[in-house]
N, C-alpha and C. Protein backbone atom coordinates (compact mmCIF):
# COMPACT_ATOMS: atom_id res chain seq x y z
N MET A 1 0.85 -1.17 0.00
CA MET A 1 0.00 0.00 0.00
C MET A 1 0.89 1.23 0.00
N THR A 2 0.58 2.20 -0.83
CA THR A 2 1.36 3.42 -0.94
C THR A 2 0.60 4.58 -0.33
N LEU A 3 1.29 5.41 0.44
CA LEU A 3 0.67 6.58 1.06
C LEU A 3 0.56 7.75 0.11
N THR A 4 1.59 7.97 -0.69
CA THR A 4 1.60 9.11 -1.58
C THR A 4 1.83 8.65 -3.00
N GLY A 5 1.33 9.40 -3.93
CA GLY A 5 1.56 9.10 -5.32
C GLY A 5 2.74 9.86 -5.87
N GLN A 6 3.26 10.80 -5.09
CA GLN A 6 4.39 11.59 -5.57
C GLN A 6 5.67 11.14 -4.89
N ALA A 7 6.76 11.22 -5.64
CA ALA A 7 8.05 10.80 -5.12
C ALA A 7 8.59 11.83 -4.14
N ILE A 8 9.23 11.34 -3.10
CA ILE A 8 9.94 12.21 -2.16
C ILE A 8 11.35 11.67 -1.99
N THR A 9 12.22 12.48 -1.43
CA THR A 9 13.61 12.07 -1.23
C THR A 9 13.77 11.43 0.15
N ALA A 10 14.88 10.76 0.32
CA ALA A 10 15.20 10.17 1.63
C ALA A 10 15.30 11.27 2.68
N GLU A 11 15.85 12.42 2.33
CA GLU A 11 15.96 13.53 3.28
C GLU A 11 14.57 13.98 3.75
N GLU A 12 13.64 14.12 2.82
CA GLU A 12 12.27 14.50 3.18
C GLU A 12 11.60 13.43 4.01
N TYR A 13 11.84 12.18 3.64
CA TYR A 13 11.25 11.05 4.37
C TYR A 13 11.76 11.03 5.81
N LEU A 14 13.05 11.15 5.99
CA LEU A 14 13.65 11.07 7.33
C LEU A 14 13.33 12.29 8.18
N ALA A 15 12.91 13.39 7.56
CA ALA A 15 12.53 14.59 8.30
C ALA A 15 11.14 14.48 8.91
N ARG A 16 10.37 13.48 8.50
CA ARG A 16 9.03 13.29 9.05
C ARG A 16 9.13 12.84 10.50
N PRO A 17 8.12 13.16 11.32
CA PRO A 17 8.16 12.73 12.72
C PRO A 17 8.22 11.19 12.81
N PRO A 18 8.98 10.64 13.78
CA PRO A 18 9.10 9.18 13.92
C PRO A 18 7.76 8.47 14.03
N GLU A 19 6.78 9.09 14.68
CA GLU A 19 5.49 8.42 14.84
C GLU A 19 4.75 8.28 13.50
N ASP A 20 5.19 9.01 12.47
CA ASP A 20 4.59 8.90 11.15
C ASP A 20 5.33 7.90 10.28
N ARG A 21 6.24 7.12 10.88
CA ARG A 21 7.08 6.27 10.06
C ARG A 21 6.97 4.79 10.36
N SER A 22 5.77 4.21 10.37
CA SER A 22 5.65 2.76 10.34
C SER A 22 5.57 2.40 8.86
N THR A 23 6.52 2.97 8.14
CA THR A 23 6.56 2.92 6.68
C THR A 23 7.98 2.71 6.21
N GLN A 24 8.11 2.61 4.89
CA GLN A 24 9.41 2.55 4.26
C GLN A 24 9.35 3.42 3.02
N LEU A 25 10.50 3.83 2.55
CA LEU A 25 10.59 4.59 1.30
C LEU A 25 11.19 3.65 0.26
N VAL A 26 10.39 3.33 -0.74
CA VAL A 26 10.83 2.40 -1.78
C VAL A 26 10.69 3.10 -3.13
N GLY A 27 11.81 3.35 -3.77
CA GLY A 27 11.78 4.04 -5.06
C GLY A 27 11.15 5.41 -4.99
N GLY A 28 11.30 6.09 -3.86
CA GLY A 28 10.77 7.43 -3.69
C GLY A 28 9.33 7.49 -3.24
N GLU A 29 8.67 6.34 -3.08
CA GLU A 29 7.28 6.31 -2.63
C GLU A 29 7.18 5.73 -1.23
N ILE A 30 6.32 6.32 -0.42
CA ILE A 30 6.12 5.84 0.94
C ILE A 30 5.23 4.60 0.89
N VAL A 31 5.72 3.52 1.50
CA VAL A 31 4.99 2.26 1.54
C VAL A 31 4.64 1.97 2.99
N VAL A 32 3.37 1.75 3.25
CA VAL A 32 2.89 1.47 4.59
C VAL A 32 3.20 0.02 4.95
N ASN A 33 3.71 -0.17 6.15
CA ASN A 33 3.98 -1.51 6.66
C ASN A 33 2.85 -1.88 7.60
N GLN A 34 2.12 -2.95 7.28
CA GLN A 34 0.99 -3.39 8.09
C GLN A 34 1.21 -4.84 8.52
N PRO A 35 2.16 -5.10 9.43
CA PRO A 35 2.45 -6.48 9.80
C PRO A 35 1.35 -7.11 10.65
N SER A 36 1.15 -8.40 10.44
CA SER A 36 0.20 -9.16 11.25
C SER A 36 0.89 -9.65 12.52
N VAL A 37 0.12 -10.22 13.41
CA VAL A 37 0.69 -10.81 14.63
C VAL A 37 1.65 -11.93 14.25
N ARG A 38 1.27 -12.77 13.29
CA ARG A 38 2.17 -13.86 12.87
C ARG A 38 3.48 -13.29 12.32
N HIS A 39 3.38 -12.27 11.52
CA HIS A 39 4.57 -11.62 10.96
C HIS A 39 5.51 -11.17 12.08
N GLN A 40 4.96 -10.51 13.08
CA GLN A 40 5.77 -10.02 14.19
C GLN A 40 6.34 -11.19 15.01
N ASP A 41 5.55 -12.24 15.19
CA ASP A 41 6.01 -13.42 15.92
C ASP A 41 7.21 -14.06 15.22
N LEU A 42 7.11 -14.24 13.89
CA LEU A 42 8.22 -14.85 13.13
C LEU A 42 9.44 -13.95 13.13
N SER A 43 9.22 -12.64 12.99
CA SER A 43 10.35 -11.70 13.05
C SER A 43 11.05 -11.80 14.40
N GLY A 44 10.25 -11.86 15.46
CA GLY A 44 10.80 -11.97 16.81
C GLY A 44 11.58 -13.25 17.02
N LEU A 45 11.07 -14.35 16.50
CA LEU A 45 11.77 -15.64 16.63
C LEU A 45 13.13 -15.58 15.94
N ILE A 46 13.15 -15.07 14.72
CA ILE A 46 14.42 -14.99 13.98
C ILE A 46 15.38 -14.05 14.69
N TYR A 47 14.88 -12.92 15.16
CA TYR A 47 15.73 -12.00 15.92
C TYR A 47 16.31 -12.68 17.16
N ARG A 48 15.46 -13.37 17.93
CA ARG A 48 15.95 -14.04 19.16
C ARG A 48 17.03 -15.06 18.84
N ARG A 49 16.83 -15.84 17.78
CA ARG A 49 17.85 -16.84 17.42
C ARG A 49 19.16 -16.17 17.01
N LEU A 50 19.06 -15.09 16.22
CA LEU A 50 20.28 -14.37 15.83
C LEU A 50 20.95 -13.72 17.05
N ALA A 51 20.15 -13.12 17.92
CA ALA A 51 20.70 -12.48 19.12
C ALA A 51 21.35 -13.51 20.03
N ASP A 52 20.76 -14.69 20.16
CA ASP A 52 21.38 -15.76 20.95
C ASP A 52 22.72 -16.14 20.36
N TRP A 53 22.79 -16.24 19.03
CA TRP A 53 24.05 -16.56 18.37
C TRP A 53 25.08 -15.46 18.62
N VAL A 54 24.66 -14.19 18.50
CA VAL A 54 25.55 -13.06 18.76
C VAL A 54 26.10 -13.16 20.18
N ASP A 55 25.22 -13.46 21.15
CA ASP A 55 25.63 -13.53 22.56
C ASP A 55 26.48 -14.76 22.88
N SER A 56 26.53 -15.73 21.97
CA SER A 56 27.25 -16.98 22.25
C SER A 56 28.76 -16.85 22.15
N GLY A 57 29.25 -15.75 21.65
CA GLY A 57 30.69 -15.57 21.53
C GLY A 57 31.04 -14.10 21.42
N THR A 58 32.30 -13.81 21.40
CA THR A 58 32.73 -12.42 21.26
C THR A 58 32.97 -12.13 19.78
N GLY A 59 32.71 -10.89 19.41
CA GLY A 59 32.96 -10.49 18.03
C GLY A 59 31.93 -10.96 17.03
N ASN A 60 30.74 -11.34 17.51
CA ASN A 60 29.71 -11.85 16.60
C ASN A 60 28.81 -10.76 16.04
N GLY A 61 29.18 -9.51 16.17
CA GLY A 61 28.42 -8.44 15.57
C GLY A 61 27.21 -8.03 16.37
N LEU A 62 26.19 -7.55 15.67
CA LEU A 62 25.00 -7.02 16.29
C LEU A 62 23.78 -7.43 15.49
N ALA A 63 22.78 -7.99 16.17
CA ALA A 63 21.49 -8.31 15.55
C ALA A 63 20.45 -7.38 16.14
N CYS A 64 19.58 -6.85 15.29
CA CYS A 64 18.54 -5.92 15.75
C CYS A 64 17.27 -6.11 14.95
N ILE A 65 16.23 -5.44 15.46
CA ILE A 65 14.97 -5.40 14.74
C ILE A 65 14.92 -4.11 13.93
N SER A 66 13.83 -3.87 13.31
CA SER A 66 13.63 -2.82 12.33
C SER A 66 14.11 -1.43 12.76
N VAL A 67 14.94 -0.83 11.92
CA VAL A 67 15.32 0.59 12.00
C VAL A 67 15.42 1.09 10.57
N ASP A 68 15.50 2.41 10.41
CA ASP A 68 15.67 2.97 9.08
C ASP A 68 17.05 2.61 8.54
N VAL A 69 17.07 2.08 7.32
CA VAL A 69 18.30 1.75 6.62
C VAL A 69 18.31 2.60 5.34
N MET A 70 19.12 3.65 5.34
CA MET A 70 19.18 4.53 4.18
C MET A 70 20.16 3.97 3.16
N LEU A 71 19.63 3.63 2.01
CA LEU A 71 20.47 3.09 0.95
C LEU A 71 20.86 4.16 -0.06
N ASP A 72 19.92 5.03 -0.39
CA ASP A 72 20.19 6.12 -1.32
C ASP A 72 19.07 7.15 -1.20
N GLU A 73 19.03 8.11 -2.09
CA GLU A 73 18.07 9.21 -1.98
C GLU A 73 16.62 8.78 -2.23
N ALA A 74 16.40 7.58 -2.71
CA ALA A 74 15.02 7.14 -2.98
C ALA A 74 14.62 5.92 -2.17
N ASN A 75 15.52 5.39 -1.36
CA ASN A 75 15.25 4.13 -0.67
C ASN A 75 15.71 4.15 0.79
N VAL A 76 14.74 4.08 1.69
CA VAL A 76 14.99 3.95 3.12
C VAL A 76 14.13 2.77 3.58
N PHE A 77 14.78 1.65 3.80
CA PHE A 77 14.06 0.43 4.15
C PHE A 77 14.08 0.22 5.66
N ALA A 78 13.23 -0.68 6.11
CA ALA A 78 13.17 -1.06 7.52
C ALA A 78 13.08 -2.58 7.58
N PRO A 79 14.21 -3.28 7.38
CA PRO A 79 14.14 -4.75 7.41
C PRO A 79 13.60 -5.23 8.75
N ASP A 80 12.86 -6.32 8.72
CA ASP A 80 12.26 -6.85 9.95
C ASP A 80 13.33 -7.22 10.98
N VAL A 81 14.42 -7.78 10.49
CA VAL A 81 15.57 -8.15 11.33
C VAL A 81 16.81 -7.85 10.50
N TRP A 82 17.87 -7.44 11.17
CA TRP A 82 19.12 -7.23 10.46
C TRP A 82 20.29 -7.57 11.36
N TRP A 83 21.43 -7.82 10.72
CA TRP A 83 22.66 -8.17 11.44
C TRP A 83 23.83 -7.49 10.74
N VAL A 84 24.80 -7.04 11.55
CA VAL A 84 26.04 -6.48 11.02
C VAL A 84 27.23 -7.09 11.75
N THR A 85 28.35 -7.13 11.06
CA THR A 85 29.60 -7.56 11.67
C THR A 85 30.05 -6.50 12.68
N GLU A 86 31.00 -6.87 13.51
CA GLU A 86 31.57 -5.89 14.46
C GLU A 86 32.11 -4.67 13.70
N GLU A 87 32.70 -4.92 12.56
CA GLU A 87 33.29 -3.85 11.76
C GLU A 87 32.24 -2.83 11.30
N HIS A 88 31.02 -3.28 11.09
CA HIS A 88 29.95 -2.41 10.60
C HIS A 88 28.97 -1.98 11.69
N ARG A 89 29.28 -2.31 12.91
CA ARG A 89 28.38 -1.98 14.03
C ARG A 89 28.21 -0.46 14.13
N PRO A 90 26.94 0.01 14.11
CA PRO A 90 26.73 1.46 14.24
C PRO A 90 26.95 1.90 15.69
N HIS A 91 27.12 3.20 15.85
CA HIS A 91 27.20 3.77 17.20
C HIS A 91 25.91 3.43 17.93
N ARG A 92 25.98 3.15 19.21
CA ARG A 92 24.80 2.68 19.94
C ARG A 92 23.66 3.69 19.99
N ASP A 93 23.93 4.96 19.75
CA ASP A 93 22.88 5.97 19.72
C ASP A 93 22.43 6.33 18.31
N ALA A 94 22.93 5.60 17.31
CA ALA A 94 22.55 5.87 15.92
C ALA A 94 21.05 5.66 15.74
N SER A 95 20.42 6.48 14.93
CA SER A 95 18.98 6.35 14.70
C SER A 95 18.67 5.34 13.59
N GLY A 96 19.68 4.92 12.87
CA GLY A 96 19.50 3.97 11.79
C GLY A 96 20.84 3.60 11.19
N LEU A 97 20.80 3.03 10.01
CA LEU A 97 22.02 2.61 9.32
C LEU A 97 22.18 3.41 8.03
N GLU A 98 23.40 3.77 7.74
CA GLU A 98 23.74 4.37 6.45
C GLU A 98 24.33 3.25 5.61
N GLY A 99 23.63 2.85 4.60
CA GLY A 99 24.05 1.72 3.78
C GLY A 99 23.47 0.43 4.34
N PRO A 100 23.62 -0.64 3.59
CA PRO A 100 22.97 -1.89 3.99
C PRO A 100 23.66 -2.56 5.17
N PRO A 101 22.89 -3.36 5.93
CA PRO A 101 23.54 -4.21 6.93
C PRO A 101 24.25 -5.33 6.18
N ASP A 102 24.83 -6.26 6.88
CA ASP A 102 25.45 -7.41 6.23
C ASP A 102 24.41 -8.48 5.88
N LEU A 103 23.39 -8.58 6.73
CA LEU A 103 22.28 -9.51 6.52
C LEU A 103 20.98 -8.77 6.78
N ALA A 104 20.03 -8.91 5.86
CA ALA A 104 18.69 -8.34 6.06
C ALA A 104 17.68 -9.48 5.98
N VAL A 105 16.68 -9.43 6.84
CA VAL A 105 15.61 -10.44 6.86
C VAL A 105 14.28 -9.71 6.67
N GLU A 106 13.52 -10.15 5.69
CA GLU A 106 12.19 -9.61 5.43
C GLU A 106 11.20 -10.75 5.56
N VAL A 107 10.18 -10.57 6.40
CA VAL A 107 9.12 -11.56 6.59
C VAL A 107 7.92 -11.11 5.77
N ARG A 108 7.32 -12.05 5.07
CA ARG A 108 6.19 -11.73 4.19
C ARG A 108 5.06 -11.04 4.94
N SER A 109 4.64 -9.92 4.38
CA SER A 109 3.50 -9.17 4.86
C SER A 109 2.69 -8.81 3.62
N PRO A 110 1.37 -8.95 3.67
CA PRO A 110 0.58 -8.66 2.47
C PRO A 110 0.85 -7.26 1.89
N SER A 111 1.14 -6.30 2.74
CA SER A 111 1.32 -4.94 2.25
C SER A 111 2.70 -4.68 1.64
N THR A 112 3.69 -5.52 1.90
CA THR A 112 5.04 -5.21 1.44
C THR A 112 5.73 -6.32 0.65
N TRP A 113 5.17 -7.52 0.58
CA TRP A 113 5.87 -8.65 -0.04
C TRP A 113 6.29 -8.36 -1.47
N ARG A 114 5.43 -7.74 -2.27
CA ARG A 114 5.79 -7.47 -3.67
C ARG A 114 7.02 -6.56 -3.75
N TYR A 115 7.17 -5.67 -2.78
CA TYR A 115 8.36 -4.83 -2.74
C TYR A 115 9.57 -5.64 -2.28
N ASP A 116 9.37 -6.50 -1.28
CA ASP A 116 10.47 -7.31 -0.75
C ASP A 116 11.12 -8.15 -1.84
N ILE A 117 10.31 -8.81 -2.66
CA ILE A 117 10.86 -9.70 -3.69
C ILE A 117 11.21 -8.96 -4.98
N GLY A 118 10.80 -7.71 -5.08
CA GLY A 118 11.04 -6.94 -6.29
C GLY A 118 12.04 -5.81 -6.06
N ALA A 119 11.49 -4.61 -5.87
CA ALA A 119 12.33 -3.41 -5.80
C ALA A 119 13.32 -3.43 -4.64
N LYS A 120 12.89 -3.94 -3.48
CA LYS A 120 13.80 -3.94 -2.32
C LYS A 120 14.95 -4.93 -2.54
N LYS A 121 14.64 -6.12 -3.02
CA LYS A 121 15.69 -7.10 -3.28
C LYS A 121 16.70 -6.52 -4.27
N ALA A 122 16.20 -5.91 -5.35
CA ALA A 122 17.09 -5.32 -6.36
C ALA A 122 17.94 -4.20 -5.77
N SER A 123 17.35 -3.37 -4.92
CA SER A 123 18.10 -2.27 -4.32
C SER A 123 19.13 -2.79 -3.32
N TYR A 124 18.73 -3.74 -2.49
CA TYR A 124 19.70 -4.35 -1.57
C TYR A 124 20.89 -4.91 -2.35
N GLU A 125 20.59 -5.63 -3.42
CA GLU A 125 21.64 -6.24 -4.23
C GLU A 125 22.55 -5.16 -4.84
N HIS A 126 21.95 -4.12 -5.39
CA HIS A 126 22.70 -3.02 -6.01
C HIS A 126 23.63 -2.34 -5.00
N HIS A 127 23.18 -2.22 -3.76
CA HIS A 127 23.96 -1.51 -2.74
C HIS A 127 24.91 -2.41 -1.96
N GLY A 128 25.07 -3.66 -2.38
CA GLY A 128 26.11 -4.51 -1.82
C GLY A 128 25.74 -5.36 -0.62
N LEU A 129 24.43 -5.50 -0.32
CA LEU A 129 24.05 -6.38 0.78
C LEU A 129 24.65 -7.76 0.56
N ALA A 130 25.28 -8.32 1.58
CA ALA A 130 25.92 -9.63 1.44
C ALA A 130 24.91 -10.76 1.37
N GLU A 131 23.83 -10.67 2.18
CA GLU A 131 22.87 -11.78 2.23
C GLU A 131 21.48 -11.26 2.60
N LEU A 132 20.47 -11.85 1.95
CA LEU A 132 19.07 -11.50 2.16
C LEU A 132 18.27 -12.77 2.40
N TRP A 133 17.48 -12.78 3.48
CA TRP A 133 16.55 -13.88 3.74
C TRP A 133 15.14 -13.33 3.57
N LEU A 134 14.37 -13.93 2.68
CA LEU A 134 12.97 -13.58 2.49
C LEU A 134 12.14 -14.74 3.03
N VAL A 135 11.44 -14.50 4.11
CA VAL A 135 10.68 -15.52 4.81
C VAL A 135 9.26 -15.50 4.26
N ASP A 136 8.93 -16.54 3.50
CA ASP A 136 7.63 -16.60 2.81
C ASP A 136 6.64 -17.41 3.62
N THR A 137 5.75 -16.72 4.30
CA THR A 137 4.77 -17.39 5.16
C THR A 137 3.72 -18.16 4.36
N GLU A 138 3.53 -17.82 3.10
CA GLU A 138 2.55 -18.53 2.26
C GLU A 138 3.04 -19.92 1.89
N SER A 139 4.32 -20.05 1.55
CA SER A 139 4.86 -21.34 1.13
C SER A 139 5.68 -22.03 2.22
N ALA A 140 5.79 -21.41 3.39
CA ALA A 140 6.60 -21.94 4.51
C ALA A 140 8.02 -22.26 4.05
N THR A 141 8.60 -21.29 3.31
CA THR A 141 9.97 -21.43 2.85
C THR A 141 10.75 -20.16 3.18
N VAL A 142 12.07 -20.29 3.13
CA VAL A 142 12.94 -19.13 3.26
C VAL A 142 13.75 -19.04 1.97
N LEU A 143 13.63 -17.91 1.29
CA LEU A 143 14.41 -17.66 0.09
C LEU A 143 15.68 -16.95 0.53
N VAL A 144 16.81 -17.51 0.17
CA VAL A 144 18.11 -16.97 0.57
C VAL A 144 18.84 -16.50 -0.67
N TYR A 145 19.29 -15.25 -0.64
CA TYR A 145 20.09 -14.69 -1.71
C TYR A 145 21.39 -14.21 -1.09
N ARG A 146 22.52 -14.67 -1.67
CA ARG A 146 23.81 -14.26 -1.12
C ARG A 146 24.86 -14.16 -2.22
N ARG A 147 25.95 -13.54 -1.85
CA ARG A 147 27.10 -13.43 -2.75
C ARG A 147 28.10 -14.52 -2.37
N SER A 148 28.66 -15.18 -3.36
CA SER A 148 29.62 -16.25 -3.07
C SER A 148 30.91 -15.69 -2.49
N VAL A 149 31.25 -14.48 -2.86
CA VAL A 149 32.40 -13.76 -2.31
C VAL A 149 31.99 -12.30 -2.15
N PRO A 150 32.58 -11.58 -1.22
CA PRO A 150 32.17 -10.19 -1.01
C PRO A 150 32.26 -9.33 -2.27
N ALA A 151 33.21 -9.61 -3.15
CA ALA A 151 33.39 -8.80 -4.35
C ALA A 151 32.41 -9.14 -5.47
N ALA A 152 31.60 -10.18 -5.30
CA ALA A 152 30.64 -10.53 -6.35
C ALA A 152 29.73 -9.33 -6.63
N GLY A 153 29.49 -9.04 -7.87
CA GLY A 153 28.71 -7.87 -8.25
C GLY A 153 27.22 -8.01 -8.03
N ALA A 154 26.77 -9.23 -7.73
CA ALA A 154 25.33 -9.47 -7.55
C ALA A 154 25.16 -10.72 -6.70
N PHE A 155 23.92 -10.95 -6.28
CA PHE A 155 23.62 -12.21 -5.60
C PHE A 155 23.84 -13.32 -6.63
N ASP A 156 24.75 -14.22 -6.35
CA ASP A 156 25.01 -15.30 -7.30
C ASP A 156 24.68 -16.67 -6.71
N ILE A 157 24.11 -16.66 -5.53
CA ILE A 157 23.60 -17.89 -4.91
C ILE A 157 22.16 -17.62 -4.51
N ALA A 158 21.26 -18.51 -4.93
CA ALA A 158 19.85 -18.40 -4.57
C ALA A 158 19.38 -19.78 -4.08
N LEU A 159 18.82 -19.81 -2.89
CA LEU A 159 18.34 -21.06 -2.29
C LEU A 159 16.89 -20.90 -1.87
N GLU A 160 16.14 -21.97 -1.93
CA GLU A 160 14.79 -22.00 -1.38
C GLU A 160 14.76 -23.14 -0.38
N LEU A 161 14.68 -22.79 0.90
CA LEU A 161 14.75 -23.77 1.97
C LEU A 161 13.36 -24.01 2.54
N GLY A 162 13.00 -25.29 2.69
CA GLY A 162 11.69 -25.64 3.23
C GLY A 162 11.82 -26.56 4.43
N ALA A 163 10.69 -27.11 4.82
CA ALA A 163 10.66 -28.03 5.97
C ALA A 163 11.70 -29.12 5.76
N GLY A 164 12.37 -29.49 6.83
CA GLY A 164 13.41 -30.51 6.76
C GLY A 164 14.78 -29.95 6.44
N GLU A 165 14.86 -28.67 6.14
CA GLU A 165 16.14 -28.04 5.83
C GLU A 165 16.51 -27.06 6.94
N THR A 166 17.78 -26.69 6.96
CA THR A 166 18.29 -25.82 8.02
C THR A 166 18.89 -24.57 7.40
N LEU A 167 18.55 -23.44 7.99
CA LEU A 167 19.08 -22.15 7.56
C LEU A 167 20.43 -21.94 8.23
N THR A 168 21.45 -21.74 7.42
CA THR A 168 22.80 -21.42 7.90
C THR A 168 23.32 -20.29 7.02
N SER A 169 24.48 -19.75 7.38
CA SER A 169 25.07 -18.70 6.57
C SER A 169 26.57 -18.70 6.77
N PRO A 170 27.33 -18.52 5.69
CA PRO A 170 28.78 -18.36 5.85
C PRO A 170 29.14 -17.09 6.64
N LEU A 171 28.21 -16.15 6.74
CA LEU A 171 28.44 -14.94 7.53
C LEU A 171 28.37 -15.22 9.03
N LEU A 172 27.66 -16.30 9.40
CA LEU A 172 27.34 -16.58 10.80
C LEU A 172 27.86 -17.97 11.18
N PRO A 173 29.16 -18.14 11.36
CA PRO A 173 29.71 -19.46 11.65
C PRO A 173 29.06 -20.10 12.88
N GLY A 174 28.50 -21.28 12.71
CA GLY A 174 27.89 -22.00 13.82
C GLY A 174 26.42 -21.70 14.02
N PHE A 175 25.86 -20.72 13.32
CA PHE A 175 24.43 -20.40 13.44
C PHE A 175 23.63 -21.41 12.64
N THR A 176 22.59 -21.95 13.27
CA THR A 176 21.65 -22.83 12.56
C THR A 176 20.24 -22.54 13.05
N LEU A 177 19.30 -22.66 12.12
CA LEU A 177 17.88 -22.50 12.46
C LEU A 177 17.10 -23.41 11.51
N ALA A 178 16.45 -24.41 12.09
CA ALA A 178 15.61 -25.30 11.29
C ALA A 178 14.45 -24.50 10.72
N VAL A 179 14.24 -24.63 9.41
CA VAL A 179 13.15 -23.90 8.78
C VAL A 179 11.81 -24.29 9.40
N ALA A 180 11.67 -25.56 9.77
CA ALA A 180 10.42 -26.01 10.41
C ALA A 180 10.16 -25.26 11.72
N ASP A 181 11.21 -24.89 12.43
CA ASP A 181 11.05 -24.14 13.69
C ASP A 181 10.46 -22.74 13.44
N ILE A 182 10.78 -22.17 12.28
CA ILE A 182 10.27 -20.83 11.96
C ILE A 182 8.75 -20.89 11.80
N PHE A 183 8.27 -21.93 11.14
CA PHE A 183 6.86 -21.99 10.78
C PHE A 183 6.04 -22.89 11.69
N ASP A 184 6.65 -23.39 12.76
CA ASP A 184 5.93 -24.24 13.71
C ASP A 184 4.88 -23.41 14.43
N ASP A 185 3.63 -23.72 14.19
CA ASP A 185 2.54 -22.98 14.82
C ASP A 185 2.11 -23.58 16.15
N GLY A 186 2.83 -24.58 16.62
CA GLY A 186 2.42 -25.28 17.84
C GLY A 186 2.93 -24.75 19.06
């Protein structure tokens, strides 16, 4: 769902009061984020698992929930969950991120999924995101897009993980999350 039909810049978007920003700026248009309870539950589960992994050792970076991620003058995203290496850790009082995190996680929401798999994925890829997890609640799968090496010009690895498979990442040594655990409604 789009709030405005006219394009605005990231500067104009970020100047809006925080209470007016349960939204994202995608291609210069404000997109309303309307997450369901299930969406928030799955986002929270993935965040908790990443945060537990971060806490399991030293130097494991930082995992967080949604903040403004400014990619360029037309795109300010709010990934449901994100992670950065120690090297990319923002100042603890930062209001958001300048440039992409190392890992972004987007959970399917009816209001934003078309952007997640389309314009946002393309923009993340263009701006050098190392890895993207798209959690598809309709198919109970996780779509993983990553670069085989940091210098790769685009996502050159694409995986679709379903029940019986485990989510891992070369960015997160020792991290595992069974896909079935993400979608377990019990």
